[in-house]
Amino acid sequence: MEKEREREAECVISTFAKLSKICSC
């Protein structure tokens, strides 16, 4: 489950991820 946490952190840092709605931040 550590990968999920890393993805969440990447999502918060990456604005593109938010725009692409890759994760639910």
N, C-alpha and C. Protein backbone atom coordinates (compact mmCIF):
# COMPACT_ATOMS: atom_id res chain seq x y z
N MET A 1 0.85 -1.21 0.00
CA MET A 1 0.00 0.00 0.00
C MET A 1 0.89 1.25 0.00
N GLU A 2 2.19 1.06 0.01
CA GLU A 2 3.06 2.24 0.01
C GLU A 2 3.01 2.94 -1.34
N LYS A 3 2.78 2.15 -2.38
CA LYS A 3 2.72 2.76 -3.72
C LYS A 3 1.52 3.70 -3.79
N GLU A 4 0.44 3.33 -3.15
CA GLU A 4 -0.74 4.20 -3.17
C GLU A 4 -0.42 5.52 -2.50
N ARG A 5 0.32 5.45 -1.42
CA ARG A 5 0.67 6.69 -0.71
C ARG A 5 1.58 7.54 -1.59
N GLU A 6 2.50 6.91 -2.26
CA GLU A 6 3.41 7.67 -3.13
C GLU A 6 2.61 8.33 -4.25
N ARG A 7 1.61 7.62 -4.74
CA ARG A 7 0.81 8.16 -5.83
C ARG A 7 0.03 9.37 -5.31
N GLU A 8 -0.47 9.27 -4.12
CA GLU A 8 -1.23 10.40 -3.56
C GLU A 8 -0.33 11.62 -3.45
N ALA A 9 0.89 11.40 -2.98
CA ALA A 9 1.83 12.51 -2.83
C ALA A 9 2.13 13.11 -4.21
N GLU A 10 2.33 12.24 -5.18
CA GLU A 10 2.62 12.73 -6.53
C GLU A 10 1.43 13.52 -7.06
N CYS A 11 0.25 13.06 -6.72
CA CYS A 11 -0.97 13.72 -7.20
C CYS A 11 -1.05 15.12 -6.59
N VAL A 12 -0.76 15.23 -5.33
CA VAL A 12 -0.84 16.53 -4.67
C VAL A 12 0.20 17.48 -5.27
N ILE A 13 1.36 16.94 -5.58
CA ILE A 13 2.44 17.78 -6.12
C ILE A 13 2.14 18.13 -7.58
N SER A 14 1.64 17.16 -8.31
CA SER A 14 1.40 17.38 -9.75
C SER A 14 0.03 17.99 -10.00
N THR A 15 0.02 19.17 -10.55
CA THR A 15 -1.28 19.80 -10.86
C THR A 15 -1.90 19.12 -12.06
N PHE A 16 -1.07 18.60 -12.94
CA PHE A 16 -1.58 17.93 -14.13
C PHE A 16 -2.39 16.71 -13.72
N ALA A 17 -1.95 16.02 -12.68
CA ALA A 17 -2.67 14.84 -12.20
C ALA A 17 -4.06 15.25 -11.75
N LYS A 18 -4.13 16.38 -11.08
CA LYS A 18 -5.45 16.86 -10.62
C LYS A 18 -6.34 17.16 -11.83
N LEU A 19 -5.77 17.81 -12.82
CA LEU A 19 -6.56 18.18 -14.00
C LEU A 19 -6.99 16.91 -14.75
N SER A 20 -6.10 15.92 -14.78
CA SER A 20 -6.41 14.68 -15.48
C SER A 20 -7.30 13.79 -14.61
N LYS A 21 -7.48 14.19 -13.35
CA LYS A 21 -8.32 13.42 -12.43
C LYS A 21 -7.81 11.99 -12.31
N ILE A 22 -6.48 11.84 -12.26
CA ILE A 22 -5.90 10.51 -12.11
C ILE A 22 -6.19 10.00 -10.70
N CYS A 23 -6.07 10.92 -9.72
CA CYS A 23 -6.38 10.52 -8.33
C CYS A 23 -7.40 11.50 -7.77
N SER A 24 -8.01 11.14 -6.68
CA SER A 24 -9.01 12.02 -6.08
C SER A 24 -8.38 12.80 -4.94
N CYS A 25 -7.77 13.95 -5.29
CA CYS A 25 -7.14 14.75 -4.24
C CYS A 25 -8.11 15.85 -3.84
